[in-house]
C-alpha atoms as a PDB file:
ATOM      1  CA  MET A   1      15.860  40.744   0.894  1.00  0.00           C
ATOM      2  CA  ARG A   2      13.613  40.240   3.968  1.00  0.00           C
ATOM      3  CA  TRP A   3      10.780  42.006   2.184  1.00  0.00           C
ATOM      4  CA  LEU A   4      10.691  39.436  -0.610  1.00  0.00           C
ATOM      5  CA  THR A   5       7.874  36.875  -0.702  1.00  0.00           C
ATOM      6  CA  PRO A   6       8.816  33.186  -0.793  1.00  0.00           C
ATOM      7  CA  VAL A   7       8.087  33.137  -4.516  1.00  0.00           C
ATOM      8  CA  ALA A   8      10.225  36.206  -5.136  1.00  0.00           C
ATOM      9  CA  ALA A   9      12.973  34.646  -3.034  1.00  0.00           C
ATOM     10  CA  LEU A  10      12.873  31.599  -5.243  1.00  0.00           C
ATOM     11  CA  ALA A  11      13.064  33.825  -8.292  1.00  0.00           C
ATOM     12  CA  ALA A  12      16.237  35.283  -6.851  1.00  0.00           C
ATOM     13  CA  LEU A  13      17.868  31.951  -7.651  1.00  0.00           C
ATOM     14  CA  LEU A  14      18.075  33.206 -11.205  1.00  0.00           C
ATOM     15  CA  VAL A  15      19.789  36.504 -10.454  1.00  0.00           C
ATOM     16  CA  VAL A  16      22.013  36.002  -7.387  1.00  0.00           C
ATOM     17  CA  ALA A  17      25.588  35.157  -8.338  1.00  0.00           C
ATOM     18  CA  ALA A  18      24.894  35.985 -11.976  1.00  0.00           C
ATOM     19  CA  PRO A  19      28.391  35.178 -13.228  1.00  0.00           C
ATOM     20  CA  ALA A  20      28.090  31.608 -11.946  1.00  0.00           C
ATOM     21  CA  VAL A  21      24.658  31.161 -13.539  1.00  0.00           C
ATOM     22  CA  ALA A  22      25.907  32.510 -16.838  1.00  0.00           C
ATOM     23  CA  GLN A  23      28.489  29.756 -17.004  1.00  0.00           C
ATOM     24  CA  GLU A  24      25.950  26.993 -16.512  1.00  0.00           C
ATOM     25  CA  ASP A  25      24.331  25.340 -19.479  1.00  0.00           C
ATOM     26  CA  GLU A  26      21.046  26.581 -20.810  1.00  0.00           C
ATOM     27  CA  ALA A  27      19.254  23.348 -19.838  1.00  0.00           C
ATOM     28  CA  TYR A  28      19.987  23.984 -16.146  1.00  0.00           C
ATOM     29  CA  GLN A  29      18.792  27.576 -16.360  1.00  0.00           C
ATOM     30  CA  GLU A  30      15.606  26.486 -18.116  1.00  0.00           C
ATOM     31  CA  LEU A  31      14.903  23.828 -15.475  1.00  0.00           C
ATOM     32  CA  VAL A  32      15.292  26.324 -12.638  1.00  0.00           C
ATOM     33  CA  HIS A  33      13.130  28.858 -14.475  1.00  0.00           C
ATOM     34  CA  GLN A  34      10.357  26.298 -14.956  1.00  0.00           C
ATOM     35  CA  ALA A  35      10.655  25.154 -11.324  1.00  0.00           C
ATOM     36  CA  VAL A  36      10.168  28.719 -10.075  1.00  0.00           C
ATOM     37  CA  GLN A  37       7.111  29.132 -12.304  1.00  0.00           C
ATOM     38  CA  GLU A  38       5.546  25.879 -11.082  1.00  0.00           C
ATOM     39  CA  HIS A  39       6.161  26.843  -7.449  1.00  0.00           C
ATOM     40  CA  ALA A  40       4.596  30.264  -8.002  1.00  0.00           C
ATOM     41  CA  ALA A  41       1.529  28.574  -9.517  1.00  0.00           C
ATOM     42  CA  GLY A  42       1.120  26.288  -6.495  1.00  0.00           C
ATOM     43  CA  ARG A  43       2.137  23.129  -8.358  1.00  0.00           C
ATOM     44  CA  TYR A  44       4.656  22.066  -5.742  1.00  0.00           C
ATOM     45  CA  ALA A  45       5.143  18.439  -6.797  1.00  0.00           C
ATOM     46  CA  GLU A  46       6.044  19.606 -10.307  1.00  0.00           C
ATOM     47  CA  ALA A  47       8.338  22.297  -8.912  1.00  0.00           C
ATOM     48  CA  ARG A  48      10.174  19.761  -6.765  1.00  0.00           C
ATOM     49  CA  ALA A  49      10.645  17.402  -9.711  1.00  0.00           C
ATOM     50  CA  LEU A  50      12.191  20.219 -11.767  1.00  0.00           C
ATOM     51  CA  PHE A  51      14.439  21.365  -8.902  1.00  0.00           C
ATOM     52  CA  ARG A  52      15.670  17.798  -8.544  1.00  0.00           C
ATOM     53  CA  ARG A  53      16.520  17.592 -12.237  1.00  0.00           C
ATOM     54  CA  ALA A  54      18.363  20.883 -12.020  1.00  0.00           C
ATOM     55  CA  HIS A  55      20.236  19.635  -8.946  1.00  0.00           C
ATOM     56  CA  GLU A  56      21.331  16.518 -10.851  1.00  0.00           C
ATOM     57  CA  ARG A  57      22.875  18.749 -13.551  1.00  0.00           C
ATOM     58  CA  SER A  58      24.497  21.141 -11.102  1.00  0.00           C
ATOM     59  CA  PRO A  59      24.329  20.243  -7.391  1.00  0.00           C
ATOM     60  CA  ASN A  60      24.234  23.354  -5.216  1.00  0.00           C
ATOM     61  CA  ALA A  61      22.612  24.942  -2.175  1.00  0.00           C
ATOM     62  CA  ARG A  62      20.040  26.876  -4.203  1.00  0.00           C
ATOM     63  CA  THR A  63      18.479  23.805  -5.810  1.00  0.00           C
ATOM     64  CA  LEU A  64      18.446  22.014  -2.452  1.00  0.00           C
ATOM     65  CA  ARG A  65      16.628  25.000  -0.987  1.00  0.00           C
ATOM     66  CA  GLY A  66      14.048  24.844  -3.774  1.00  0.00           C
ATOM     67  CA  ILE A  67      13.515  21.128  -3.102  1.00  0.00           C
ATOM     68  CA  GLY A  68      13.113  21.766   0.632  1.00  0.00           C
ATOM     69  CA  MET A  69      10.625  24.597   0.158  1.00  0.00           C
ATOM     70  CA  SER A  70       8.550  22.423  -2.201  1.00  0.00           C
ATOM     71  CA  ASN A  71       8.590  19.589   0.340  1.00  0.00           C
ATOM     72  CA  PHE A  72       7.272  21.948   3.004  1.00  0.00           C
ATOM     73  CA  GLU A  73       4.345  22.999   0.841  1.00  0.00           C
ATOM     74  CA  LEU A  74       3.598  19.305   0.202  1.00  0.00           C
ATOM     75  CA  ARG A  75       3.573  18.711   3.992  1.00  0.00           C
ATOM     76  CA  GLN A  76       6.456  16.278   3.773  1.00  0.00           C
ATOM     77  CA  TYR A  77       8.194  17.693   6.793  1.00  0.00           C
ATOM     78  CA  ALA A  78      10.872  15.039   7.311  1.00  0.00           C
ATOM     79  CA  ALA A  79      12.090  15.504   3.737  1.00  0.00           C
ATOM     80  CA  THR A  80      11.914  19.297   4.224  1.00  0.00           C
ATOM     81  CA  ILE A  81      14.319  19.156   7.165  1.00  0.00           C
ATOM     82  CA  VAL A  82      16.844  16.924   5.394  1.00  0.00           C
ATOM     83  CA  ALA A  83      16.862  19.015   2.184  1.00  0.00           C
ATOM     84  CA  LEU A  84      17.179  22.359   3.964  1.00  0.00           C
ATOM     85  CA  GLU A  85      19.874  21.134   6.363  1.00  0.00           C
ATOM     86  CA  ALA A  86      21.810  19.930   3.311  1.00  0.00           C
ATOM     87  CA  ALA A  87      21.289  23.339   1.672  1.00  0.00           C
ATOM     88  CA  LEU A  88      22.723  25.118   4.721  1.00  0.00           C
ATOM     89  CA  ALA A  89      25.793  22.852   4.671  1.00  0.00           C
ATOM     90  CA  GLU A  90      26.364  23.025   0.893  1.00  0.00           C
ATOM     91  CA  SER A  91      29.287  25.212  -0.225  1.00  0.00           C
ATOM     92  CA  ARG A  92      28.436  25.318  -3.923  1.00  0.00           C
ATOM     93  CA  ARG A  93      26.441  28.467  -4.601  1.00  0.00           C
ATOM     94  CA  PRO A  94      25.793  28.892  -0.867  1.00  0.00           C
ATOM     95  CA  LEU A  95      22.660  30.545   0.443  1.00  0.00           C
ATOM     96  CA  THR A  96      22.593  34.220   1.246  1.00  0.00           C
ATOM     97  CA  GLU A  97      22.035  35.258   4.856  1.00  0.00           C
ATOM     98  CA  ASP A  98      18.358  35.897   4.210  1.00  0.00           C
ATOM     99  CA  GLN A  99      17.928  32.586   2.396  1.00  0.00           C
ATOM    100  CA  ALA A 100      19.714  30.740   5.211  1.00  0.00           C
ATOM    101  CA  ALA A 101      17.500  32.438   7.818  1.00  0.00           C
ATOM    102  CA  GLY A 102      14.390  31.389   5.888  1.00  0.00           C
ATOM    103  CA  ALA A 103      15.674  27.819   5.643  1.00  0.00           C
ATOM    104  CA  ARG A 104      16.299  27.624   9.389  1.00  0.00           C
ATOM    105  CA  ASP A 105      12.806  28.968  10.043  1.00  0.00           C
ATOM    106  CA  LEU A 106      11.230  26.242   7.890  1.00  0.00           C
ATOM    107  CA  ILE A 107      13.364  23.600   9.632  1.00  0.00           C
ATOM    108  CA  GLU A 108      12.091  24.768  13.027  1.00  0.00           C
ATOM    109  CA  ARG A 109       8.491  24.806  11.863  1.00  0.00           C
ATOM    110  CA  SER A 110       8.804  21.336  10.308  1.00  0.00           C
ATOM    111  CA  SER A 111      10.357  19.885  13.468  1.00  0.00           C
ATOM    112  CA  ALA A 112       7.016  20.270  15.257  1.00  0.00           C
ATOM    113  CA  PHE A 113       5.469  17.776  12.819  1.00  0.00           C
ATOM    114  CA  VAL A 114       8.003  14.941  12.879  1.00  0.00           C
ATOM    115  CA  ALA A 115       9.386  12.377  15.301  1.00  0.00           C
ATOM    116  CA  ARG A 116      13.131  11.736  15.613  1.00  0.00           C
ATOM    117  CA  TYR A 117      14.091   8.118  16.240  1.00  0.00           C
ATOM    118  CA  THR A 118      17.571   6.915  17.077  1.00  0.00           C
ATOM    119  CA  LEU A 119      17.801   3.350  15.786  1.00  0.00           C
ATOM    120  CA  VAL A 120      19.631   0.606  17.654  1.00  0.00           C
ATOM    121  CA  PRO A 121      21.997  -1.044  16.818  1.00  0.00           C
ATOM    122  CA  ALA A 122      24.273   1.501  15.200  1.00  0.00           C
ATOM    123  CA  GLY A 123      23.982   1.462  11.449  1.00  0.00           C
ATOM    124  CA  ALA A 124      20.374   0.306  11.436  1.00  0.00           C
ATOM    125  CA  ALA A 125      19.247   3.649  10.006  1.00  0.00           C
ATOM    126  CA  GLU A 126      21.042   2.930   6.728  1.00  0.00           C
ATOM    127  CA  GLY A 127      18.508   0.243   5.851  1.00  0.00           C
ATOM    128  CA  ALA A 128      15.496   1.814   7.543  1.00  0.00           C
ATOM    129  CA  ARG A 129      12.178   1.655   5.722  1.00  0.00           C
ATOM    130  CA  VAL A 130       8.945   3.398   6.677  1.00  0.00           C
ATOM    131  CA  ASP A 131       5.744   1.849   5.335  1.00  0.00           C
ATOM    132  CA  GLY A 132       7.772  -0.124   2.837  1.00  0.00           C
ATOM    133  CA  VAL A 133       9.792   2.752   1.343  1.00  0.00           C
ATOM    134  CA  ALA A 134      13.225   4.120   2.209  1.00  0.00           C
ATOM    135  CA  GLY A 135      13.138   6.171   5.399  1.00  0.00           C
ATOM    136  CA  VAL A 136      14.265   9.790   5.688  1.00  0.00           C
ATOM    137  CA  VAL A 137      17.511   9.934   7.682  1.00  0.00           C
ATOM    138  CA  ASP A 138      19.234  13.182   8.636  1.00  0.00           C
ATOM    139  CA  GLY A 139      22.957  13.870   8.644  1.00  0.00           C
ATOM    140  CA  HIS A 140      23.304  12.486  12.171  1.00  0.00           C
ATOM    141  CA  GLY A 141      21.817   9.094  11.338  1.00  0.00           C
ATOM    142  CA  VAL A 142      18.482   9.869  13.008  1.00  0.00           C
ATOM    143  CA  LEU A 143      15.305   8.589  11.339  1.00  0.00           C
ATOM    144  CA  LEU A 144      12.692  11.317  10.782  1.00  0.00           C
ATOM    145  CA  VAL A 145       9.063  10.221  10.521  1.00  0.00           C
ATOM    146  CA  ASP A 146       6.090  12.400   9.569  1.00  0.00           C
ATOM    147  CA  LEU A 147       2.760  12.651  11.393  1.00  0.00           C
ATOM    148  CA  GLY A 148       0.542   9.579  11.519  1.00  0.00           C
ATOM    149  CA  THR A 149       0.793   5.864  12.232  1.00  0.00           C
ATOM    150  CA  HIS A 150       3.611   4.034  10.453  1.00  0.00           C
ATOM    151  CA  GLU A 151       5.540   0.757  10.417  1.00  0.00           C
ATOM    152  CA  VAL A 152       9.320   0.969  10.656  1.00  0.00           C
ATOM    153  CA  GLN A 153      11.617  -1.849   9.549  1.00  0.00           C
ATOM    154  CA  VAL A 154      15.377  -2.111   9.162  1.00  0.00           C
ATOM    155  CA  ARG A 155      17.687  -4.248   7.070  1.00  0.00           C
ATOM    156  CA  CYS A 156      21.002  -4.844   8.742  1.00  0.00           C
ATOM    157  CA  GLU A 157      23.110  -7.760   9.884  1.00  0.00           C
ATOM    158  CA  GLY A 158      21.961  -9.075  13.247  1.00  0.00           C
ATOM    159  CA  CYS A 159      18.908  -6.816  13.319  1.00  0.00           C
ATOM    160  CA  SER A 160      15.389  -7.983  14.019  1.00  0.00           C
ATOM    161  CA  THR A 161      13.139  -7.947  10.954  1.00  0.00           C
ATOM    162  CA  GLU A 162      10.032  -7.452  13.084  1.00  0.00           C
ATOM    163  CA  PRO A 163       8.364  -4.111  12.239  1.00  0.00           C
ATOM    164  CA  ARG A 164       7.895  -1.487  14.927  1.00  0.00           C
ATOM    165  CA  ARG A 165       4.621   0.404  14.762  1.00  0.00           C
ATOM    166  CA  VAL A 166       4.857   4.059  15.741  1.00  0.00           C
ATOM    167  CA  ARG A 167       2.271   6.789  16.027  1.00  0.00           C
ATOM    168  CA  VAL A 168       3.695  10.253  15.505  1.00  0.00           C
ATOM    169  CA  VAL A 169       1.874  13.255  16.972  1.00  0.00           C
ATOM    170  CA  GLY A 170       4.811  15.627  16.495  1.00  0.00           C
ATOM    171  CA  GLY A 171       7.968  16.467  18.385  1.00  0.00           C
ATOM    172  CA  GLU A 172       8.791  12.974  19.732  1.00  0.00           C
ATOM    173  CA  VAL A 173      12.419  12.079  20.378  1.00  0.00           C
ATOM    174  CA  ALA A 174      12.802   8.384  21.114  1.00  0.00           C
ATOM    175  CA  GLU A 175      14.785   5.216  20.475  1.00  0.00           C
ATOM    176  CA  LEU A 176      13.748   2.181  18.455  1.00  0.00           C
ATOM    177  CA  ASP A 177      15.637  -0.982  19.362  1.00  0.00           C
ATOM    178  CA  PHE A 178      16.015  -3.528  16.556  1.00  0.00           C
ATOM    179  CA  SER A 179      18.709  -5.565  18.268  1.00  0.00           C
ATOM    180  CA  SER A 180      16.119  -8.254  19.134  1.00  0.00           C
ATOM    181  CA  ALA A 181      12.478  -9.099  18.543  1.00  0.00           C
ATOM    182  CA  PRO A 182      10.047  -6.866  20.460  1.00  0.00           C
ATOM    183  CA  SER A 183       8.398  -8.257  23.571  1.00  0.00           C
ATOM    184  CA  GLU A 184       5.074  -7.036  22.215  1.00  0.00           C
ATOM    185  CA  PRO A 185       3.814  -7.070  18.610  1.00  0.00           C
ATOM    186  CA  VAL A 186       3.879  -3.283  18.300  1.00  0.00           C
ATOM    187  CA  ALA A 187       5.525  -0.281  19.924  1.00  0.00           C
ATOM    188  CA  GLU A 188       3.159   2.653  19.750  1.00  0.00           C
ATOM    189  CA  THR A 189       3.300   6.229  20.932  1.00  0.00           C
ATOM    190  CA  VAL A 190      -0.135   7.107  22.249  1.00  0.00           C
ATOM    191  CA  GLU A 191      -1.524  10.498  21.311  1.00  0.00           C
ATOM    192  CA  PRO A 192      -2.685  12.455  24.373  1.00  0.00           C
ATOM    193  CA  GLU A 193      -6.241  13.701  24.583  1.00  0.00           C
ATOM    194  CA  GLU A 194      -6.483  17.376  23.571  1.00  0.00           C
ATOM    195  CA  THR A 195      -9.603  18.109  25.618  1.00  0.00           C
ATOM    196  CA  GLY A 196     -11.741  16.401  28.213  1.00  0.00           C
ATOM    197  CA  THR A 197     -10.842  13.580  30.555  1.00  0.00           C
ATOM    198  CA  LEU A 198     -10.564   9.905  30.072  1.00  0.00           C
ATOM    199  CA  GLY A 199     -13.638   7.926  31.063  1.00  0.00           C
ATOM    200  CA  PRO A 200     -14.763   4.339  30.956  1.00  0.00           C
ATOM    201  CA  THR A 201     -14.855   2.800  27.524  1.00  0.00           C
ATOM    202  CA  GLU A 202     -18.309   2.188  26.220  1.00  0.00           C
ATOM    203  CA  THR A 203     -18.824  -1.097  24.442  1.00  0.00           C
ATOM    204  CA  GLU A 204     -21.540  -1.977  21.994  1.00  0.00           C
ATOM    205  CA  PRO A 205     -24.090  -4.450  23.319  1.00  0.00           C
ATOM    206  CA  ASP A 206     -23.823  -7.944  22.010  1.00  0.00           C
ATOM    207  CA  ASP A 207     -26.887  -8.231  19.786  1.00  0.00           C
ATOM    208  CA  ASP A 208     -27.606 -10.995  17.327  1.00  0.00           C
ATOM    209  CA  GLY A 209     -30.474  -8.967  15.769  1.00  0.00           C
ATOM    210  CA  LEU A 210     -33.406 -11.137  16.994  1.00  0.00           C
ATOM    211  CA  SER A 211     -34.967 -10.843  20.428  1.00  0.00           C
ATOM    212  CA  GLY A 212     -37.400 -13.262  22.029  1.00  0.00           C
ATOM    213  CA  THR A 213     -40.262 -10.896  21.249  1.00  0.00           C
ATOM    214  CA  SER A 214     -39.378 -10.777  17.560  1.00  0.00           C
ATOM    215  CA  ILE A 215     -39.104 -14.561  17.339  1.00  0.00           C
ATOM    216  CA  GLY A 216     -42.501 -14.996  19.025  1.00  0.00           C
ATOM    217  CA  LEU A 217     -44.112 -12.518  16.640  1.00  0.00           C
ATOM    218  CA  PHE A 218     -42.643 -14.201  13.586  1.00  0.00           C
ATOM    219  CA  VAL A 219     -43.846 -17.616  14.818  1.00  0.00           C
ATOM    220  CA  GLY A 220     -47.321 -16.178  15.371  1.00  0.00           C
ATOM    221  CA  ALA A 221     -47.261 -14.690  11.880  1.00  0.00           C
ATOM    222  CA  ALA A 222     -46.352 -18.073  10.438  1.00  0.00           C
ATOM    223  CA  VAL A 223     -49.222 -19.764  12.289  1.00  0.00           C
ATOM    224  CA  ALA A 224     -51.676 -17.095  11.171  1.00  0.00           C
ATOM    225  CA  GLY A 225     -50.448 -17.364   7.604  1.00  0.00           C
ATOM    226  CA  ALA A 226     -50.840 -21.151   7.638  1.00  0.00           C
ATOM    227  CA  GLY A 227     -54.345 -20.752   9.024  1.00  0.00           C
ATOM    228  CA  ALA A 228     -55.217 -18.284   6.287  1.00  0.00           C
ATOM    229  CA  ILE A 229     -54.015 -20.709   3.629  1.00  0.00           C
ATOM    230  CA  GLY A 230     -55.971 -23.623   5.161  1.00  0.00           C
ATOM    231  CA  THR A 231     -59.099 -21.518   5.443  1.00  0.00           C
ATOM    232  CA  GLY A 232     -58.646 -20.488   1.842  1.00  0.00           C
ATOM    233  CA  PHE A 233     -58.831 -24.143   0.771  1.00  0.00           C
ATOM    234  CA  TRP A 234     -62.006 -24.542   2.854  1.00  0.00           C
ATOM    235  CA  TRP A 235     -63.539 -21.483   1.165  1.00  0.00           C
ATOM    236  CA  ARG A 236     -62.741 -22.977  -2.236  1.00  0.00           C
ATOM    237  CA  ASP A 237     -64.400 -26.242  -1.167  1.00  0.00           C
ATOM    238  CA  ARG A 238     -67.553 -24.437  -0.001  1.00  0.00           C
ATOM    239  CA  ASN A 239     -67.663 -22.426  -3.214  1.00  0.00           C
ATOM    240  CA  GLY A 240     -67.419 -25.640  -5.234  1.00  0.00           C
ATOM    241  CA  GLU A 241     -70.289 -27.145  -3.259  1.00  0.00           C
ATOM    242  CA  ILE A 242     -72.434 -24.115  -4.034  1.00  0.00           C
ATOM    243  CA  ASP A 243     -71.689 -24.424  -7.760  1.00  0.00           C
ATOM    244  CA  ALA A 244     -72.643 -28.117  -7.631  1.00  0.00           C
ATOM    245  CA  CYS A 245     -75.784 -27.288  -5.722  1.00  0.00           C
ATOM    246  CA  ASP A 246     -76.797 -24.679  -8.312  1.00  0.00           C
ATOM    247  CA  ALA A 247     -76.438 -27.333 -11.013  1.00  0.00           C
ATOM    248  CA  ARG A 248     -79.060 -29.578  -9.288  1.00  0.00           C
ATOM    249  CA  THR A 249     -82.776 -28.995  -9.028  1.00  0.00           C
ATOM    250  CA  ASP A 250     -83.113 -30.673  -5.679  1.00  0.00           C
ATOM    251  CA  CYS A 251     -80.449 -28.621  -3.715  1.00  0.00           C
ATOM    252  CA  LEU A 252     -81.872 -27.887  -0.274  1.00  0.00           C
ATOM    253  CA  ASN A 253     -78.783 -26.643   1.642  1.00  0.00           C
ATOM    254  CA  ARG A 254     -77.596 -23.757  -0.507  1.00  0.00           C
ATOM    255  CA  ASP A 255     -78.236 -21.182   2.240  1.00  0.00           C
ATOM    256  CA  ARG A 256     -76.061 -23.120   4.714  1.00  0.00           C
ATOM    257  CA  LEU A 257     -73.261 -23.493   2.168  1.00  0.00           C
ATOM    258  CA  THR A 258     -73.394 -19.787   1.392  1.00  0.00           C
ATOM    259  CA  THR A 259     -73.169 -18.892   5.096  1.00  0.00           C
ATOM    260  CA  GLU A 260     -70.181 -21.222   5.554  1.00  0.00           C
ATOM    261  CA  ARG A 261     -68.436 -19.795   2.467  1.00  0.00           C
ATOM    262  CA  ASN A 262     -68.878 -16.220   3.650  1.00  0.00           C
ATOM    263  CA  ALA A 263     -67.697 -17.049   7.144  1.00  0.00           C
ATOM    264  CA  THR A 264     -64.675 -18.865   5.726  1.00  0.00           C
ATOM    265  CA  MET A 265     -63.784 -15.852   3.604  1.00  0.00           C
ATOM    266  CA  GLY A 266     -63.921 -13.582   6.653  1.00  0.00           C
ATOM    267  CA  VAL A 267     -61.683 -15.897   8.667  1.00  0.00           C
ATOM    268  CA  ALA A 268     -59.140 -16.137   5.828  1.00  0.00           C
ATOM    269  CA  LEU A 269     -59.001 -12.368   5.450  1.00  0.00           C
ATOM    270  CA  GLY A 270     -58.687 -11.858   9.212  1.00  0.00           C
ATOM    271  CA  LEU A 271     -55.830 -14.343   9.520  1.00  0.00           C
ATOM    272  CA  SER A 272     -54.020 -12.770   6.545  1.00  0.00           C
ATOM    273  CA  VAL A 273     -54.237  -9.325   8.116  1.00  0.00           C
ATOM    274  CA  ALA A 274     -53.064 -10.729  11.452  1.00  0.00           C
ATOM    275  CA  ALA A 275     -50.051 -12.427   9.821  1.00  0.00           C
ATOM    276  CA  LEU A 276     -49.078  -9.209   8.077  1.00  0.00           C
ATOM    277  CA  ALA A 277     -49.429  -7.214  11.293  1.00  0.00           C
ATOM    278  CA  LEU A 278     -47.324  -9.690  13.260  1.00  0.00           C
ATOM    279  CA  VAL A 279     -44.537  -9.589  10.677  1.00  0.00           C
ATOM    280  CA  THR A 280     -44.551  -5.794  10.712  1.00  0.00           C
ATOM    281  CA  VAL A 281     -44.393  -5.596  14.502  1.00  0.00           C
ATOM    282  CA  GLY A 282     -41.677  -8.261  14.572  1.00  0.00           C
ATOM    283  CA  LEU A 283     -39.518  -6.226  12.208  1.00  0.00           C
ATOM    284  CA  LEU A 284     -40.002  -3.099  14.312  1.00  0.00           C
ATOM    285  CA  THR A 285     -38.986  -4.854  17.528  1.00  0.00           C
ATOM    286  CA  MET A 286     -36.109  -6.854  16.032  1.00  0.00           C
ATOM    287  CA  GLY A 287     -33.122  -6.859  18.360  1.00  0.00           C
ATOM    288  CA  ASP A 288     -35.068  -5.622  21.410  1.00  0.00           C
ATOM    289  CA  ASP A 289     -34.920  -7.427  24.749  1.00  0.00           C
ATOM    290  CA  ALA A 290     -37.983  -9.584  25.286  1.00  0.00           C
ATOM    291  CA  ASP A 291     -38.040  -8.474  28.932  1.00  0.00           C
ATOM    292  CA  ASP A 292     -38.013  -4.759  28.144  1.00  0.00           C
ATOM    293  CA  ASP A 293     -41.359  -3.470  29.409  1.00  0.00           C
ATOM    294  CA  GLU A 294     -41.097  -0.258  27.425  1.00  0.00           C
ATOM    295  CA  ARG A 295     -40.867  -2.215  24.155  1.00  0.00           C
ATOM    296  CA  ALA A 296     -43.277  -5.013  25.021  1.00  0.00           C
ATOM    297  CA  VAL A 297     -45.872  -6.068  22.456  1.00  0.00           C
ATOM    298  CA  ARG A 298     -48.841  -8.167  23.452  1.00  0.00           C
ATOM    299  CA  CYS A 299     -51.186  -9.889  20.996  1.00  0.00           C
ATOM    300  CA  ALA A 300     -54.487 -11.662  21.611  1.00  0.00           C
ATOM    301  CA  PRO A 301     -57.335 -13.032  19.495  1.00  0.00           C
ATOM    302  CA  ALA A 302     -59.900 -10.416  18.550  1.00  0.00           C
ATOM    303  CA  GLY A 303     -62.941 -11.040  16.402  1.00  0.00           C
ATOM    304  CA  MET A 304     -61.895 -12.692  13.150  1.00  0.00           C
ATOM    305  CA  GLY A 305     -58.170 -11.910  13.655  1.00  0.00           C
ATOM    306  CA  MET A 306     -55.672 -10.789  16.311  1.00  0.00           C
ATOM    307  CA  ALA A 307     -55.140  -7.493  18.166  1.00  0.00           C
ATOM    308  CA  CYS A 308     -51.649  -6.323  19.201  1.00  0.00           C
ATOM    309  CA  ALA A 309     -50.776  -3.485  21.584  1.00  0.00           C
ATOM    310  CA  GLY A 310     -47.521  -2.026  22.814  1.00  0.00           C
ATOM    311  CA  THR A 311     -45.129   0.896  22.572  1.00  0.00           C
ATOM    312  CA  PHE A 312     -42.528   1.439  19.864  1.00  0.00           C
END
C-alpha cells in the first residue's frame, strides 16, 4: 500500500478488515465515510470532528489515526503526536504495517515543531494548562507544546500557581519546575537569530513632538496674528473717519485718512501672511532639535511682513 496517497490510505479504513467493519453499526460506518470525504476535500477540522465521533462509538487504532492525520493538517503538532502514538499502541483494529510506518513518519515530522517539557513535581502534568486550556500530555507524562509563546500553569497540591512563560521554536527538551515560585516573573526560551549577528540595540529618541524652533515659530505666529487683528481694528477706524469726512462739506483731511487706511490694510495683510507662514514652518519643523543647523529656520522683518529662510 506504499503507493497509496494519504487520502486513499484513509479510504482504506473502510475496506481493511472488512468482516470487523461489517459487524459495526451503520452509524459508525457513515461517520467514517463522511470523515474520509471531508479530509479528501481539505476540510480537516470537520474530518477530525467526525473521526472523534466515530471513535466514541467504536474506539480503535484506525479512528485514532484519522484524528492524528487531521491534527497534522491543522498544524496542531502536539495533538498529532499524542493521537498517532495512541494509534500505534491500540490493539483494536490495529494499523497495518504501511499505516504504522506513515504514522511514525508524521510523529517524527511533528516532533520538530513542538517542545517537550518534563514538569516538576511529579504529577504536575495531570493538571497542566497551556494558555488557559488543558495541555497535551503524552503517554510518558511529558507536556507537549506547539510553536509560539505560551503560558503554562499547573494545578496540583503543593505546586506553585505562578505561570511559566515559554517560547517554543521547535525541538526543545527541558524541565519546568513548579515546586516553588519562580525567581523571575517569566521563564523564556530565546529564539536564536537565523541570520546575521547581534548588534547594539537601537532605541528611539525621546521626542515630545515640539522643538525649541517650533515653539519660537508658533509664538511668532501668534504675535503676528495679534498684530494683524489690531491693525484690522485701526483700518476699520480709518475707514469710519473717511465715511464721516465724506458726510461733511468742510472735510480737509480726507487724503491723509485715505493714505492711513491704505497703509493699515497693507500692514494687516502682511502680518496675516506672516502668521500663516510661521505656522506652516512650525508644523514642518515640529520635533526637530533647535540646535540642528541643517534644519534651522531664521525669520526677520521684511517690508510689510516677515521673511523666513532655512532648509527642510
